[in-house]
């Protein structure tokens, strides 16, 4: 790939991960090697299930707790931070190795906002990105400095959601 860019998908609307995986499947269909590192998600999803069946499509889910961070005690938060830090170091190695044409960092914005990685670390990661690699970061509340640095920013805005009517996530549609 020539001219790999940095993309950010953010906002309170649904579709950030799905948009990133859609782009990843498009890239894979064109013969690109794709990697996905996913944080803060534990339930099975159709995107991950499909991606795991493909050659040249690496998916690593960082084994994080199904609890929300605000429901965790101090020991659980310490363990979560250590796990996320391991995931971040994996990302740094993937960028350094430059084996992937596209690298999706799903829910990465969340780990920035939660303080699990620093602004300086993220900027260093972005600076280390090979020109031939596309990096896509997803998650709510992307910080302004990240959006300023990105080449493309898309904000998903929730106007109306079936959850508001009590309709849970549906297999094959939301998960």
C-alpha atoms as a PDB file:
ATOM      1  CA  UNK A   1       0.000   0.000   0.000  1.00  0.00           C
ATOM      2  CA  UNK A   2       1.233   3.463  -0.797  1.00  0.00           C
ATOM      3  CA  UNK A   3       0.524   6.441   1.417  1.00  0.00           C
ATOM      4  CA  UNK A   4      -0.881   4.706   4.484  1.00  0.00           C
ATOM      5  CA  UNK A   5      -2.934   7.136   6.551  1.00  0.00           C
ATOM      6  CA  UNK A   6      -4.265   7.449  10.097  1.00  0.00           C
ATOM      7  CA  UNK A   7      -8.041   7.207  10.424  1.00  0.00           C
ATOM      8  CA  UNK A   8     -10.181   7.778  13.511  1.00  0.00           C
ATOM      9  CA  UNK A   9     -13.780   6.646  13.972  1.00  0.00           C
ATOM     10  CA  UNK A  10     -15.384   8.188  17.052  1.00  0.00           C
ATOM     11  CA  UNK A  11     -18.689   9.439  18.453  1.00  0.00           C
ATOM     12  CA  UNK A  12     -21.612   8.088  20.459  1.00  0.00           C
ATOM     13  CA  UNK A  13     -23.336   6.393  17.518  1.00  0.00           C
ATOM     14  CA  UNK A  14     -23.035   2.750  16.605  1.00  0.00           C
ATOM     15  CA  UNK A  15     -20.991   1.569  13.663  1.00  0.00           C
ATOM     16  CA  UNK A  16     -17.401   2.503  14.488  1.00  0.00           C
ATOM     17  CA  UNK A  17     -16.139  -1.069  14.735  1.00  0.00           C
ATOM     18  CA  UNK A  18     -18.345  -2.219  11.870  1.00  0.00           C
ATOM     19  CA  UNK A  19     -16.999   0.541   9.618  1.00  0.00           C
ATOM     20  CA  UNK A  20     -13.418  -0.388  10.507  1.00  0.00           C
ATOM     21  CA  UNK A  21     -14.039  -4.081   9.840  1.00  0.00           C
ATOM     22  CA  UNK A  22     -15.778  -3.225   6.567  1.00  0.00           C
ATOM     23  CA  UNK A  23     -12.679  -1.390   5.448  1.00  0.00           C
ATOM     24  CA  UNK A  24     -10.527  -4.287   6.659  1.00  0.00           C
ATOM     25  CA  UNK A  25     -12.566  -6.783   4.634  1.00  0.00           C
ATOM     26  CA  UNK A  26     -12.283  -4.527   1.576  1.00  0.00           C
ATOM     27  CA  UNK A  27      -8.507  -4.342   2.012  1.00  0.00           C
ATOM     28  CA  UNK A  28      -8.272  -8.095   2.520  1.00  0.00           C
ATOM     29  CA  UNK A  29     -10.300  -8.634  -0.645  1.00  0.00           C
ATOM     30  CA  UNK A  30      -7.659  -6.635  -2.519  1.00  0.00           C
ATOM     31  CA  UNK A  31      -4.870  -8.810  -1.193  1.00  0.00           C
ATOM     32  CA  UNK A  32      -3.745  -6.644   1.717  1.00  0.00           C
ATOM     33  CA  UNK A  33      -2.582  -8.197   4.960  1.00  0.00           C
ATOM     34  CA  UNK A  34      -4.801  -6.989   7.818  1.00  0.00           C
ATOM     35  CA  UNK A  35      -4.338  -6.975  11.592  1.00  0.00           C
ATOM     36  CA  UNK A  36      -6.909  -6.145  14.258  1.00  0.00           C
ATOM     37  CA  UNK A  37      -6.208  -5.596  17.934  1.00  0.00           C
ATOM     38  CA  UNK A  38      -9.439  -5.229  19.864  1.00  0.00           C
ATOM     39  CA  UNK A  39      -9.778  -3.847  23.388  1.00  0.00           C
ATOM     40  CA  UNK A  40     -12.692  -3.738  25.843  1.00  0.00           C
ATOM     41  CA  UNK A  41     -14.868  -6.282  24.034  1.00  0.00           C
ATOM     42  CA  UNK A  42     -15.512  -9.790  25.276  1.00  0.00           C
ATOM     43  CA  UNK A  43     -18.661 -11.024  23.501  1.00  0.00           C
ATOM     44  CA  UNK A  44     -18.531 -12.944  20.240  1.00  0.00           C
ATOM     45  CA  UNK A  45     -19.291 -10.813  17.176  1.00  0.00           C
ATOM     46  CA  UNK A  46     -19.878 -11.724  13.555  1.00  0.00           C
ATOM     47  CA  UNK A  47     -17.010  -9.538  12.359  1.00  0.00           C
ATOM     48  CA  UNK A  48     -14.467 -11.294  14.542  1.00  0.00           C
ATOM     49  CA  UNK A  49     -15.891 -14.730  13.752  1.00  0.00           C
ATOM     50  CA  UNK A  50     -15.534 -14.109  10.000  1.00  0.00           C
ATOM     51  CA  UNK A  51     -12.105 -12.492  10.264  1.00  0.00           C
ATOM     52  CA  UNK A  52     -10.738 -15.477  12.198  1.00  0.00           C
ATOM     53  CA  UNK A  53     -11.526 -17.753   9.244  1.00  0.00           C
ATOM     54  CA  UNK A  54      -9.458 -15.730   6.768  1.00  0.00           C
ATOM     55  CA  UNK A  55      -5.814 -16.132   5.824  1.00  0.00           C
ATOM     56  CA  UNK A  56      -3.637 -13.021   6.183  1.00  0.00           C
ATOM     57  CA  UNK A  57      -6.152 -11.563   8.648  1.00  0.00           C
ATOM     58  CA  UNK A  58      -4.811 -11.434  12.214  1.00  0.00           C
ATOM     59  CA  UNK A  59      -7.239 -10.788  15.062  1.00  0.00           C
ATOM     60  CA  UNK A  60      -6.135 -10.419  18.674  1.00  0.00           C
ATOM     61  CA  UNK A  61      -8.670  -9.634  21.341  1.00  0.00           C
ATOM     62  CA  UNK A  62      -7.016  -8.281  24.441  1.00  0.00           C
ATOM     63  CA  UNK A  63      -8.599 -10.339  27.205  1.00  0.00           C
ATOM     64  CA  UNK A  64     -10.246  -7.622  29.257  1.00  0.00           C
ATOM     65  CA  UNK A  65     -12.995  -7.857  31.848  1.00  0.00           C
ATOM     66  CA  UNK A  66     -16.673  -7.828  30.855  1.00  0.00           C
ATOM     67  CA  UNK A  67     -17.178  -5.258  33.637  1.00  0.00           C
ATOM     68  CA  UNK A  68     -17.240  -1.538  32.986  1.00  0.00           C
ATOM     69  CA  UNK A  69     -14.242   0.257  34.489  1.00  0.00           C
ATOM     70  CA  UNK A  70     -16.489   2.205  36.883  1.00  0.00           C
ATOM     71  CA  UNK A  71     -17.742  -1.129  38.317  1.00  0.00           C
ATOM     72  CA  UNK A  72     -14.224  -2.439  39.028  1.00  0.00           C
ATOM     73  CA  UNK A  73     -12.410  -2.451  42.335  1.00  0.00           C
ATOM     74  CA  UNK A  74      -8.807  -1.266  42.626  1.00  0.00           C
ATOM     75  CA  UNK A  75      -7.273  -4.737  42.140  1.00  0.00           C
ATOM     76  CA  UNK A  76      -9.364  -5.321  39.002  1.00  0.00           C
ATOM     77  CA  UNK A  77      -8.310  -1.946  37.597  1.00  0.00           C
ATOM     78  CA  UNK A  78      -4.636  -2.733  38.210  1.00  0.00           C
ATOM     79  CA  UNK A  79      -5.036  -6.087  36.422  1.00  0.00           C
ATOM     80  CA  UNK A  80      -6.925  -4.442  33.550  1.00  0.00           C
ATOM     81  CA  UNK A  81      -4.222  -1.815  33.116  1.00  0.00           C
ATOM     82  CA  UNK A  82      -1.511  -4.488  32.976  1.00  0.00           C
ATOM     83  CA  UNK A  83      -3.457  -6.437  30.353  1.00  0.00           C
ATOM     84  CA  UNK A  84      -4.066  -3.324  28.260  1.00  0.00           C
ATOM     85  CA  UNK A  85      -0.405  -2.345  28.516  1.00  0.00           C
ATOM     86  CA  UNK A  86       0.531  -5.805  27.137  1.00  0.00           C
ATOM     87  CA  UNK A  87      -1.878  -5.165  24.261  1.00  0.00           C
ATOM     88  CA  UNK A  88      -0.327  -1.779  23.615  1.00  0.00           C
ATOM     89  CA  UNK A  89       3.167  -3.299  23.519  1.00  0.00           C
ATOM     90  CA  UNK A  90       1.856  -5.870  21.005  1.00  0.00           C
ATOM     91  CA  UNK A  91       0.624  -2.998  18.819  1.00  0.00           C
ATOM     92  CA  UNK A  92       4.030  -1.321  19.038  1.00  0.00           C
ATOM     93  CA  UNK A  93       5.663  -4.562  17.891  1.00  0.00           C
ATOM     94  CA  UNK A  94       3.193  -4.954  15.010  1.00  0.00           C
ATOM     95  CA  UNK A  95       3.908  -1.407  13.843  1.00  0.00           C
ATOM     96  CA  UNK A  96       7.648  -1.917  14.175  1.00  0.00           C
ATOM     97  CA  UNK A  97       7.542  -5.235  12.264  1.00  0.00           C
ATOM     98  CA  UNK A  98       5.607  -3.540   9.419  1.00  0.00           C
ATOM     99  CA  UNK A  99       4.062  -6.848   8.311  1.00  0.00           C
ATOM    100  CA  UNK A 100       0.523  -5.508   7.948  1.00  0.00           C
ATOM    101  CA  UNK A 101      -0.871  -3.170   5.324  1.00  0.00           C
ATOM    102  CA  UNK A 102      -3.764  -2.203   7.601  1.00  0.00           C
ATOM    103  CA  UNK A 103      -3.904  -2.243  11.372  1.00  0.00           C
ATOM    104  CA  UNK A 104      -7.241  -1.719  13.132  1.00  0.00           C
ATOM    105  CA  UNK A 105      -7.014  -0.643  16.782  1.00  0.00           C
ATOM    106  CA  UNK A 106     -10.570  -1.194  17.973  1.00  0.00           C
ATOM    107  CA  UNK A 107     -11.687   0.724  21.082  1.00  0.00           C
ATOM    108  CA  UNK A 108      -8.224   2.257  21.215  1.00  0.00           C
ATOM    109  CA  UNK A 109      -9.675   5.735  21.802  1.00  0.00           C
ATOM    110  CA  UNK A 110     -11.247   4.389  24.988  1.00  0.00           C
ATOM    111  CA  UNK A 111      -7.926   3.212  26.406  1.00  0.00           C
ATOM    112  CA  UNK A 112      -6.454   6.639  25.653  1.00  0.00           C
ATOM    113  CA  UNK A 113      -9.301   8.447  27.430  1.00  0.00           C
ATOM    114  CA  UNK A 114      -9.083   6.066  30.402  1.00  0.00           C
ATOM    115  CA  UNK A 115      -5.375   6.895  30.768  1.00  0.00           C
ATOM    116  CA  UNK A 116      -4.112   3.364  30.068  1.00  0.00           C
ATOM    117  CA  UNK A 117      -1.747   4.835  27.461  1.00  0.00           C
ATOM    118  CA  UNK A 118      -0.368   8.357  27.364  1.00  0.00           C
ATOM    119  CA  UNK A 119      -0.599  10.979  24.665  1.00  0.00           C
ATOM    120  CA  UNK A 120       3.175  10.780  24.244  1.00  0.00           C
ATOM    121  CA  UNK A 121       3.051   7.006  23.754  1.00  0.00           C
ATOM    122  CA  UNK A 122       0.301   7.290  21.153  1.00  0.00           C
ATOM    123  CA  UNK A 123       2.122  10.038  19.262  1.00  0.00           C
ATOM    124  CA  UNK A 124       5.299   7.949  19.324  1.00  0.00           C
ATOM    125  CA  UNK A 125       3.308   5.005  17.930  1.00  0.00           C
ATOM    126  CA  UNK A 126       1.862   7.175  15.158  1.00  0.00           C
ATOM    127  CA  UNK A 127       5.323   8.538  14.325  1.00  0.00           C
ATOM    128  CA  UNK A 128       6.648   4.962  14.072  1.00  0.00           C
ATOM    129  CA  UNK A 129       3.936   3.965  11.572  1.00  0.00           C
ATOM    130  CA  UNK A 130       5.466   2.911   8.263  1.00  0.00           C
ATOM    131  CA  UNK A 131       4.309   4.953   5.254  1.00  0.00           C
ATOM    132  CA  UNK A 132       2.914   1.719   3.811  1.00  0.00           C
ATOM    133  CA  UNK A 133       0.578   1.010   6.760  1.00  0.00           C
ATOM    134  CA  UNK A 134      -2.965   2.283   7.250  1.00  0.00           C
ATOM    135  CA  UNK A 135      -3.922   2.580  10.922  1.00  0.00           C
ATOM    136  CA  UNK A 136      -7.555   2.872  11.990  1.00  0.00           C
ATOM    137  CA  UNK A 137      -8.443   3.764  15.588  1.00  0.00           C
ATOM    138  CA  UNK A 138     -11.997   3.419  16.864  1.00  0.00           C
ATOM    139  CA  UNK A 139     -13.857   4.314  20.034  1.00  0.00           C
ATOM    140  CA  UNK A 140     -15.873   7.061  21.656  1.00  0.00           C
ATOM    141  CA  UNK A 141     -14.402  10.334  22.840  1.00  0.00           C
ATOM    142  CA  UNK A 142     -11.294  10.514  20.674  1.00  0.00           C
ATOM    143  CA  UNK A 143      -9.191  13.326  22.126  1.00  0.00           C
ATOM    144  CA  UNK A 144      -8.864  16.533  20.108  1.00  0.00           C
ATOM    145  CA  UNK A 145      -5.101  16.101  19.684  1.00  0.00           C
ATOM    146  CA  UNK A 146      -5.658  12.670  18.081  1.00  0.00           C
ATOM    147  CA  UNK A 147      -8.311  13.994  15.704  1.00  0.00           C
ATOM    148  CA  UNK A 148      -6.002  16.867  14.728  1.00  0.00           C
ATOM    149  CA  UNK A 149      -3.229  14.394  13.960  1.00  0.00           C
ATOM    150  CA  UNK A 150      -5.451  12.015  11.938  1.00  0.00           C
ATOM    151  CA  UNK A 151      -5.807  12.194   8.173  1.00  0.00           C
ATOM    152  CA  UNK A 152      -9.477  11.189   8.317  1.00  0.00           C
ATOM    153  CA  UNK A 153     -11.940  11.547  11.199  1.00  0.00           C
ATOM    154  CA  UNK A 154     -15.491  10.258  11.116  1.00  0.00           C
ATOM    155  CA  UNK A 155     -17.879  10.929  13.975  1.00  0.00           C
ATOM    156  CA  UNK A 156     -20.807   8.557  14.378  1.00  0.00           C
ATOM    157  CA  UNK A 157     -23.703  10.449  15.927  1.00  0.00           C
ATOM    158  CA  UNK A 158     -26.588   8.627  17.559  1.00  0.00           C
ATOM    159  CA  UNK A 159     -29.926  10.120  16.523  1.00  0.00           C
ATOM    160  CA  UNK A 160     -32.129   7.191  17.483  1.00  0.00           C
ATOM    161  CA  UNK A 161     -31.296   3.710  18.789  1.00  0.00           C
ATOM    162  CA  UNK A 162     -33.373   0.549  19.330  1.00  0.00           C
ATOM    163  CA  UNK A 163     -31.845   0.207  22.822  1.00  0.00           C
ATOM    164  CA  UNK A 164     -33.970   3.249  23.740  1.00  0.00           C
ATOM    165  CA  UNK A 165     -37.046   1.060  23.085  1.00  0.00           C
ATOM    166  CA  UNK A 166     -35.620  -1.797  25.123  1.00  0.00           C
ATOM    167  CA  UNK A 167     -34.558  -3.827  22.066  1.00  0.00           C
ATOM    168  CA  UNK A 168     -31.336  -5.680  22.947  1.00  0.00           C
ATOM    169  CA  UNK A 169     -28.410  -6.287  20.582  1.00  0.00           C
ATOM    170  CA  UNK A 170     -29.396  -8.825  17.928  1.00  0.00           C
ATOM    171  CA  UNK A 171     -27.213 -11.641  16.614  1.00  0.00           C
ATOM    172  CA  UNK A 172     -26.046 -10.853  13.086  1.00  0.00           C
ATOM    173  CA  UNK A 173     -27.085  -7.190  13.294  1.00  0.00           C
ATOM    174  CA  UNK A 174     -25.412  -5.603  16.325  1.00  0.00           C
ATOM    175  CA  UNK A 175     -23.272  -8.560  17.354  1.00  0.00           C
END
